[in-house]
Amino acid sequence: MSFWSEILETLREHGPLALFLQTKDPRNTVTFTIAMIGLAAKLAKADGRVTVDEVAAFRQIFHIEPEQEENVARVFNLLRQDVAGYREYARQIVRLFGERDPVLEDIIDALFHISMADGIYHPDEDLYLREVAEIFGLTPACVRKFKSRYVPDFWDAHSVLGVDESTSPEEVRRVWRDLVRQNHPDRLRANGLPEEMMELANRRLVDINRAYEELRQKTTAS
């Protein structure tokens, strides 16, 4: 049985929310994938439409073999039509992983990636993401960090690094080095980050380096 066939069978047998209640391992690949797809499917509906770009962004996170595309479409549609709202999915994910688990930020990262796939940051998507982040226990500053990275008009190097304009160059460098260390692929794998999230983690590292270089050059020029 293929991975995606297993997910379909699991959904049909238990239902998405029932699966959350019975799982013993929050990082079980099937459980995590269902949780992530459930949120992604409902995000794709947040602005009232599901675009080809959003589906493509979803596929960048979950690498799908051509022969499994039909099964993936069935999984996506099952979860999109599920009567439970996105808030309930978010609460179940917190229950699975626990508060302050780093994977919650990774999930928000993936949702921002999908939301901006069509190049438009819709107000309903903004509301969705802020509410899910609040349920996850993430701070407004954390949301600004992701919004700065993904929404071109909101890019702000300080927000990406979590510093402000009064932060000294030495402190900025220290924060940058800590973030680079925290987001190193080997460390993320050791901490249990699902493989599906590694590509997004690598992109996050690119943005962290870009933000630091921008602030470093400003300091050098002044």
C-alpha atoms as a PDB file:
ATOM      1  CA  MET A   1       0.000   0.000   0.000  1.00  0.00           C
ATOM      2  CA  SER A   2       1.370   3.412  -0.944  1.00  0.00           C
ATOM      3  CA  PHE A   3       1.776   6.202   1.606  1.00  0.00           C
ATOM      4  CA  TRP A   4      -1.117   8.223   0.140  1.00  0.00           C
ATOM      5  CA  SER A   5      -3.341   5.148  -0.095  1.00  0.00           C
ATOM      6  CA  GLU A   6      -2.628   4.558   3.593  1.00  0.00           C
ATOM      7  CA  ILE A   7      -3.690   8.120   4.392  1.00  0.00           C
ATOM      8  CA  LEU A   8      -6.939   7.679   2.449  1.00  0.00           C
ATOM      9  CA  GLU A   9      -7.715   4.416   4.227  1.00  0.00           C
ATOM     10  CA  THR A  10      -6.915   5.975   7.617  1.00  0.00           C
ATOM     11  CA  LEU A  11      -9.214   8.929   6.927  1.00  0.00           C
ATOM     12  CA  ARG A  12     -12.073   6.724   5.777  1.00  0.00           C
ATOM     13  CA  GLU A  13     -11.719   4.424   8.766  1.00  0.00           C
ATOM     14  CA  HIS A  14     -11.265   6.990  11.535  1.00  0.00           C
ATOM     15  CA  GLY A  15     -11.978  10.453  10.174  1.00  0.00           C
ATOM     16  CA  PRO A  16      -9.421  13.293  10.579  1.00  0.00           C
ATOM     17  CA  LEU A  17     -10.316  14.441  14.083  1.00  0.00           C
ATOM     18  CA  ALA A  18     -10.839  10.911  15.395  1.00  0.00           C
ATOM     19  CA  LEU A  19      -7.342  10.094  14.174  1.00  0.00           C
ATOM     20  CA  PHE A  20      -5.923  12.935  16.279  1.00  0.00           C
ATOM     21  CA  LEU A  21      -7.649  11.566  19.373  1.00  0.00           C
ATOM     22  CA  GLN A  22      -6.181   8.091  19.047  1.00  0.00           C
ATOM     23  CA  THR A  23      -2.656   8.728  17.829  1.00  0.00           C
ATOM     24  CA  LYS A  24       0.219   8.103  20.222  1.00  0.00           C
ATOM     25  CA  ASP A  25       2.980   9.637  18.152  1.00  0.00           C
ATOM     26  CA  PRO A  26       2.408  13.249  17.040  1.00  0.00           C
ATOM     27  CA  ARG A  27       5.238  12.987  14.519  1.00  0.00           C
ATOM     28  CA  ASN A  28       3.786   9.888  12.932  1.00  0.00           C
ATOM     29  CA  THR A  29       4.077  10.715   9.247  1.00  0.00           C
ATOM     30  CA  VAL A  30       0.464   9.895   8.414  1.00  0.00           C
ATOM     31  CA  THR A  31      -0.947  11.852  11.355  1.00  0.00           C
ATOM     32  CA  PHE A  32       1.246  14.883  10.700  1.00  0.00           C
ATOM     33  CA  THR A  33       0.445  14.875   6.994  1.00  0.00           C
ATOM     34  CA  ILE A  34      -3.315  14.722   7.609  1.00  0.00           C
ATOM     35  CA  ALA A  35      -3.075  17.591  10.097  1.00  0.00           C
ATOM     36  CA  MET A  36      -1.002  19.695   7.716  1.00  0.00           C
ATOM     37  CA  ILE A  37      -3.192  18.989   4.699  1.00  0.00           C
ATOM     38  CA  GLY A  38      -6.311  19.741   6.727  1.00  0.00           C
ATOM     39  CA  LEU A  39      -5.040  23.223   7.553  1.00  0.00           C
ATOM     40  CA  ALA A  40      -3.691  23.770   4.040  1.00  0.00           C
ATOM     41  CA  ALA A  41      -6.973  22.735   2.407  1.00  0.00           C
ATOM     42  CA  LYS A  42      -8.951  25.122   4.586  1.00  0.00           C
ATOM     43  CA  LEU A  43      -6.431  27.922   4.000  1.00  0.00           C
ATOM     44  CA  ALA A  44      -6.830  27.452   0.268  1.00  0.00           C
ATOM     45  CA  LYS A  45     -10.556  28.153   0.766  1.00  0.00           C
ATOM     46  CA  ALA A  46     -10.019  31.170   3.027  1.00  0.00           C
ATOM     47  CA  ASP A  47     -10.133  33.674   0.175  1.00  0.00           C
ATOM     48  CA  GLY A  48     -13.043  31.846  -1.448  1.00  0.00           C
ATOM     49  CA  ARG A  49     -11.065  30.081  -4.155  1.00  0.00           C
ATOM     50  CA  VAL A  50      -8.457  27.378  -4.643  1.00  0.00           C
ATOM     51  CA  THR A  51      -5.876  28.354  -7.269  1.00  0.00           C
ATOM     52  CA  VAL A  52      -3.498  26.241  -9.318  1.00  0.00           C
ATOM     53  CA  ASP A  53      -0.614  28.138  -7.699  1.00  0.00           C
ATOM     54  CA  GLU A  54      -1.785  27.193  -4.202  1.00  0.00           C
ATOM     55  CA  VAL A  55      -2.014  23.539  -5.152  1.00  0.00           C
ATOM     56  CA  ALA A  56       1.460  23.768  -6.692  1.00  0.00           C
ATOM     57  CA  ALA A  57       2.806  25.315  -3.475  1.00  0.00           C
ATOM     58  CA  PHE A  58       1.260  22.463  -1.545  1.00  0.00           C
ATOM     59  CA  ARG A  59       3.089  20.014  -3.800  1.00  0.00           C
ATOM     60  CA  GLN A  60       6.383  21.756  -3.096  1.00  0.00           C
ATOM     61  CA  ILE A  61       5.966  20.801   0.563  1.00  0.00           C
ATOM     62  CA  PHE A  62       4.632  17.308   0.004  1.00  0.00           C
ATOM     63  CA  HIS A  63       6.586  15.684  -2.791  1.00  0.00           C
ATOM     64  CA  ILE A  64       4.083  13.661  -4.808  1.00  0.00           C
ATOM     65  CA  GLU A  65       4.802  10.959  -7.364  1.00  0.00           C
ATOM     66  CA  PRO A  66       2.747  11.340 -10.573  1.00  0.00           C
ATOM     67  CA  GLU A  67       1.014   8.019 -10.019  1.00  0.00           C
ATOM     68  CA  GLN A  68      -0.224   9.210  -6.610  1.00  0.00           C
ATOM     69  CA  GLU A  69      -1.711  12.523  -7.725  1.00  0.00           C
ATOM     70  CA  GLU A  70      -5.256  11.105  -7.857  1.00  0.00           C
ATOM     71  CA  ASN A  71      -5.025   9.814  -4.283  1.00  0.00           C
ATOM     72  CA  VAL A  72      -3.589  13.128  -3.087  1.00  0.00           C
ATOM     73  CA  ALA A  73      -6.461  15.018  -4.737  1.00  0.00           C
ATOM     74  CA  ARG A  74      -8.927  12.766  -2.902  1.00  0.00           C
ATOM     75  CA  VAL A  75      -7.198  13.396   0.434  1.00  0.00           C
ATOM     76  CA  PHE A  76      -7.175  17.151  -0.170  1.00  0.00           C
ATOM     77  CA  ASN A  77     -10.873  17.214  -1.106  1.00  0.00           C
ATOM     78  CA  LEU A  78     -11.887  15.000   1.816  1.00  0.00           C
ATOM     79  CA  LEU A  79     -10.231  17.359   4.280  1.00  0.00           C
ATOM     80  CA  ARG A  80     -11.411  20.505   2.526  1.00  0.00           C
ATOM     81  CA  GLN A  81     -15.029  19.307   2.799  1.00  0.00           C
ATOM     82  CA  ASP A  82     -14.744  18.077   6.391  1.00  0.00           C
ATOM     83  CA  VAL A  83     -17.306  19.801   8.613  1.00  0.00           C
ATOM     84  CA  ALA A  84     -14.686  20.700  11.249  1.00  0.00           C
ATOM     85  CA  GLY A  85     -13.356  24.239  10.879  1.00  0.00           C
ATOM     86  CA  TYR A  86      -9.714  25.247  10.762  1.00  0.00           C
ATOM     87  CA  ARG A  87      -9.783  26.378  14.391  1.00  0.00           C
ATOM     88  CA  GLU A  88     -10.591  22.830  15.474  1.00  0.00           C
ATOM     89  CA  TYR A  89      -7.735  21.461  13.356  1.00  0.00           C
ATOM     90  CA  ALA A  90      -5.388  23.998  14.917  1.00  0.00           C
ATOM     91  CA  ARG A  91      -6.492  23.045  18.454  1.00  0.00           C
ATOM     92  CA  GLN A  92      -5.981  19.355  17.748  1.00  0.00           C
ATOM     93  CA  ILE A  93      -2.486  20.050  16.404  1.00  0.00           C
ATOM     94  CA  VAL A  94      -1.597  21.923  19.611  1.00  0.00           C
ATOM     95  CA  ARG A  95      -2.930  18.974  21.587  1.00  0.00           C
ATOM     96  CA  LEU A  96      -0.771  16.626  19.534  1.00  0.00           C
ATOM     97  CA  PHE A  97       2.498  18.510  19.761  1.00  0.00           C
ATOM     98  CA  GLY A  98       2.058  20.517  22.947  1.00  0.00           C
ATOM     99  CA  GLU A  99       2.428  24.243  23.472  1.00  0.00           C
ATOM    100  CA  ARG A 100       5.653  25.941  22.356  1.00  0.00           C
ATOM    101  CA  ASP A 101       6.753  22.993  20.216  1.00  0.00           C
ATOM    102  CA  PRO A 102       8.984  24.436  17.439  1.00  0.00           C
ATOM    103  CA  VAL A 103       7.055  22.470  14.806  1.00  0.00           C
ATOM    104  CA  LEU A 104       4.108  24.854  15.303  1.00  0.00           C
ATOM    105  CA  GLU A 105       6.178  27.674  13.802  1.00  0.00           C
ATOM    106  CA  ASP A 106       7.133  25.370  10.935  1.00  0.00           C
ATOM    107  CA  ILE A 107       3.459  24.757  10.220  1.00  0.00           C
ATOM    108  CA  ILE A 108       2.733  28.511  10.128  1.00  0.00           C
ATOM    109  CA  ASP A 109       5.736  28.876   7.807  1.00  0.00           C
ATOM    110  CA  ALA A 110       4.190  26.335   5.419  1.00  0.00           C
ATOM    111  CA  LEU A 111       0.782  28.013   5.564  1.00  0.00           C
ATOM    112  CA  PHE A 112       2.285  31.416   4.685  1.00  0.00           C
ATOM    113  CA  HIS A 113       4.090  29.728   1.787  1.00  0.00           C
ATOM    114  CA  ILE A 114       0.793  28.386   0.450  1.00  0.00           C
ATOM    115  CA  SER A 115      -1.124  31.616   1.049  1.00  0.00           C
ATOM    116  CA  MET A 116       1.318  33.640  -1.053  1.00  0.00           C
ATOM    117  CA  ALA A 117       1.569  31.148  -3.911  1.00  0.00           C
ATOM    118  CA  ASP A 118      -0.841  33.192  -6.049  1.00  0.00           C
ATOM    119  CA  GLY A 119       1.016  36.424  -5.255  1.00  0.00           C
ATOM    120  CA  ILE A 120      -1.924  37.891  -3.335  1.00  0.00           C
ATOM    121  CA  TYR A 121      -2.187  38.219   0.436  1.00  0.00           C
ATOM    122  CA  HIS A 122      -5.941  38.253   0.926  1.00  0.00           C
ATOM    123  CA  PRO A 123      -7.435  39.811   4.110  1.00  0.00           C
ATOM    124  CA  ASP A 124      -9.256  36.552   4.860  1.00  0.00           C
ATOM    125  CA  GLU A 125      -5.961  34.683   4.630  1.00  0.00           C
ATOM    126  CA  ASP A 126      -4.426  37.198   7.015  1.00  0.00           C
ATOM    127  CA  LEU A 127      -7.247  36.595   9.500  1.00  0.00           C
ATOM    128  CA  TYR A 128      -6.883  32.833   9.121  1.00  0.00           C
ATOM    129  CA  LEU A 129      -3.141  32.898   9.738  1.00  0.00           C
ATOM    130  CA  ARG A 130      -3.349  35.260  12.707  1.00  0.00           C
ATOM    131  CA  GLU A 131      -6.055  33.129  14.339  1.00  0.00           C
ATOM    132  CA  VAL A 132      -4.192  29.851  13.789  1.00  0.00           C
ATOM    133  CA  ALA A 133      -0.995  31.427  15.148  1.00  0.00           C
ATOM    134  CA  GLU A 134      -2.891  32.652  18.219  1.00  0.00           C
ATOM    135  CA  ILE A 135      -4.278  29.154  18.834  1.00  0.00           C
ATOM    136  CA  PHE A 136      -0.726  27.845  18.493  1.00  0.00           C
ATOM    137  CA  GLY A 137       0.362  30.311  21.182  1.00  0.00           C
ATOM    138  CA  LEU A 138       2.622  32.259  18.826  1.00  0.00           C
ATOM    139  CA  THR A 139       3.190  35.965  19.426  1.00  0.00           C
ATOM    140  CA  PRO A 140       2.217  38.821  17.073  1.00  0.00           C
ATOM    141  CA  ALA A 141       5.964  39.412  16.586  1.00  0.00           C
ATOM    142  CA  CYS A 142       6.290  35.848  15.329  1.00  0.00           C
ATOM    143  CA  VAL A 143       3.487  36.428  12.832  1.00  0.00           C
ATOM    144  CA  ARG A 144       5.171  39.662  11.667  1.00  0.00           C
ATOM    145  CA  LYS A 145       8.356  37.684  11.114  1.00  0.00           C
ATOM    146  CA  PHE A 146       6.639  35.361   8.659  1.00  0.00           C
ATOM    147  CA  LYS A 147       4.626  38.150   7.064  1.00  0.00           C
ATOM    148  CA  SER A 148       7.858  40.087   6.527  1.00  0.00           C
ATOM    149  CA  ARG A 149       9.412  37.106   4.791  1.00  0.00           C
ATOM    150  CA  TYR A 150       6.507  36.184   2.547  1.00  0.00           C
ATOM    151  CA  VAL A 151       4.602  39.378   1.706  1.00  0.00           C
ATOM    152  CA  PRO A 152       6.882  41.602  -0.439  1.00  0.00           C
ATOM    153  CA  ASP A 153       5.386  44.903   0.707  1.00  0.00           C
ATOM    154  CA  PHE A 154       5.972  43.919   4.338  1.00  0.00           C
ATOM    155  CA  TRP A 155       9.626  42.833   4.103  1.00  0.00           C
ATOM    156  CA  ASP A 156      11.469  44.044   7.190  1.00  0.00           C
ATOM    157  CA  ALA A 157      14.910  42.718   8.088  1.00  0.00           C
ATOM    158  CA  HIS A 158      14.482  43.627  11.757  1.00  0.00           C
ATOM    159  CA  SER A 159      11.278  41.593  12.039  1.00  0.00           C
ATOM    160  CA  VAL A 160      12.847  38.603  10.293  1.00  0.00           C
ATOM    161  CA  LEU A 161      15.653  38.509  12.861  1.00  0.00           C
ATOM    162  CA  GLY A 162      13.448  39.537  15.790  1.00  0.00           C
ATOM    163  CA  VAL A 163      15.441  42.669  16.620  1.00  0.00           C
ATOM    164  CA  ASP A 164      14.640  46.369  16.491  1.00  0.00           C
ATOM    165  CA  GLU A 165      16.399  49.468  15.210  1.00  0.00           C
ATOM    166  CA  SER A 166      18.024  50.156  18.569  1.00  0.00           C
ATOM    167  CA  THR A 167      19.703  46.739  18.709  1.00  0.00           C
ATOM    168  CA  SER A 168      23.491  47.040  18.548  1.00  0.00           C
ATOM    169  CA  PRO A 169      25.392  45.541  15.597  1.00  0.00           C
ATOM    170  CA  GLU A 170      27.076  43.103  17.997  1.00  0.00           C
ATOM    171  CA  GLU A 171      23.721  41.896  19.304  1.00  0.00           C
ATOM    172  CA  VAL A 172      22.304  41.618  15.792  1.00  0.00           C
ATOM    173  CA  ARG A 173      25.238  39.419  14.838  1.00  0.00           C
ATOM    174  CA  ARG A 174      24.731  37.257  17.928  1.00  0.00           C
ATOM    175  CA  VAL A 175      21.016  36.828  17.159  1.00  0.00           C
ATOM    176  CA  TRP A 176      21.813  35.984  13.539  1.00  0.00           C
ATOM    177  CA  ARG A 177      24.353  33.346  14.525  1.00  0.00           C
ATOM    178  CA  ASP A 178      21.876  31.786  16.978  1.00  0.00           C
ATOM    179  CA  LEU A 179      19.186  31.653  14.291  1.00  0.00           C
ATOM    180  CA  VAL A 180      21.569  30.077  11.784  1.00  0.00           C
ATOM    181  CA  ARG A 181      22.513  27.455  14.345  1.00  0.00           C
ATOM    182  CA  GLN A 182      18.889  26.774  15.292  1.00  0.00           C
ATOM    183  CA  ASN A 183      17.874  26.386  11.649  1.00  0.00           C
ATOM    184  CA  HIS A 184      20.725  24.166  10.527  1.00  0.00           C
ATOM    185  CA  PRO A 185      19.223  21.152   8.693  1.00  0.00           C
ATOM    186  CA  ASP A 186      21.043  18.591  10.850  1.00  0.00           C
ATOM    187  CA  ARG A 187      19.744  20.180  14.031  1.00  0.00           C
ATOM    188  CA  LEU A 188      16.201  20.374  12.680  1.00  0.00           C
ATOM    189  CA  ARG A 189      16.230  16.703  11.721  1.00  0.00           C
ATOM    190  CA  ALA A 190      17.593  15.787  15.139  1.00  0.00           C
ATOM    191  CA  ASN A 191      14.726  17.746  16.721  1.00  0.00           C
ATOM    192  CA  GLY A 192      12.205  15.731  14.726  1.00  0.00           C
ATOM    193  CA  LEU A 193      11.207  18.182  12.002  1.00  0.00           C
ATOM    194  CA  PRO A 194       9.274  16.168   9.409  1.00  0.00           C
ATOM    195  CA  GLU A 195      11.147  15.793   6.143  1.00  0.00           C
ATOM    196  CA  GLU A 196       8.279  17.537   4.358  1.00  0.00           C
ATOM    197  CA  MET A 197       9.285  20.758   6.093  1.00  0.00           C
ATOM    198  CA  MET A 198      12.999  20.711   5.308  1.00  0.00           C
ATOM    199  CA  GLU A 199      12.760  22.657   2.048  1.00  0.00           C
ATOM    200  CA  LEU A 200      10.864  25.443   3.791  1.00  0.00           C
ATOM    201  CA  ALA A 201      13.433  25.433   6.598  1.00  0.00           C
ATOM    202  CA  ASN A 202      16.190  25.920   4.027  1.00  0.00           C
ATOM    203  CA  ARG A 203      14.325  28.877   2.539  1.00  0.00           C
ATOM    204  CA  ARG A 204      13.948  30.333   6.031  1.00  0.00           C
ATOM    205  CA  LEU A 205      17.699  30.170   6.441  1.00  0.00           C
ATOM    206  CA  VAL A 206      18.145  32.073   3.170  1.00  0.00           C
ATOM    207  CA  ASP A 207      15.856  34.841   4.453  1.00  0.00           C
ATOM    208  CA  ILE A 208      17.680  34.992   7.793  1.00  0.00           C
ATOM    209  CA  ASN A 209      20.988  35.472   5.982  1.00  0.00           C
ATOM    210  CA  ARG A 210      19.458  38.059   3.644  1.00  0.00           C
ATOM    211  CA  ALA A 211      18.089  40.057   6.592  1.00  0.00           C
ATOM    212  CA  TYR A 212      21.412  39.983   8.423  1.00  0.00           C
ATOM    213  CA  GLU A 213      23.362  41.041   5.348  1.00  0.00           C
ATOM    214  CA  GLU A 214      20.962  43.935   4.781  1.00  0.00           C
ATOM    215  CA  LEU A 215      21.384  45.186   8.349  1.00  0.00           C
ATOM    216  CA  ARG A 216      25.147  44.629   8.260  1.00  0.00           C
ATOM    217  CA  GLN A 217      25.493  46.722   5.122  1.00  0.00           C
ATOM    218  CA  LYS A 218      23.417  49.514   6.639  1.00  0.00           C
ATOM    219  CA  THR A 219      25.735  49.565   9.663  1.00  0.00           C
ATOM    220  CA  THR A 220      28.825  49.616   7.443  1.00  0.00           C
ATOM    221  CA  ALA A 221      27.436  52.468   5.331  1.00  0.00           C
ATOM    222  CA  SER A 222      26.571  54.645   8.328  1.00  0.00           C
END
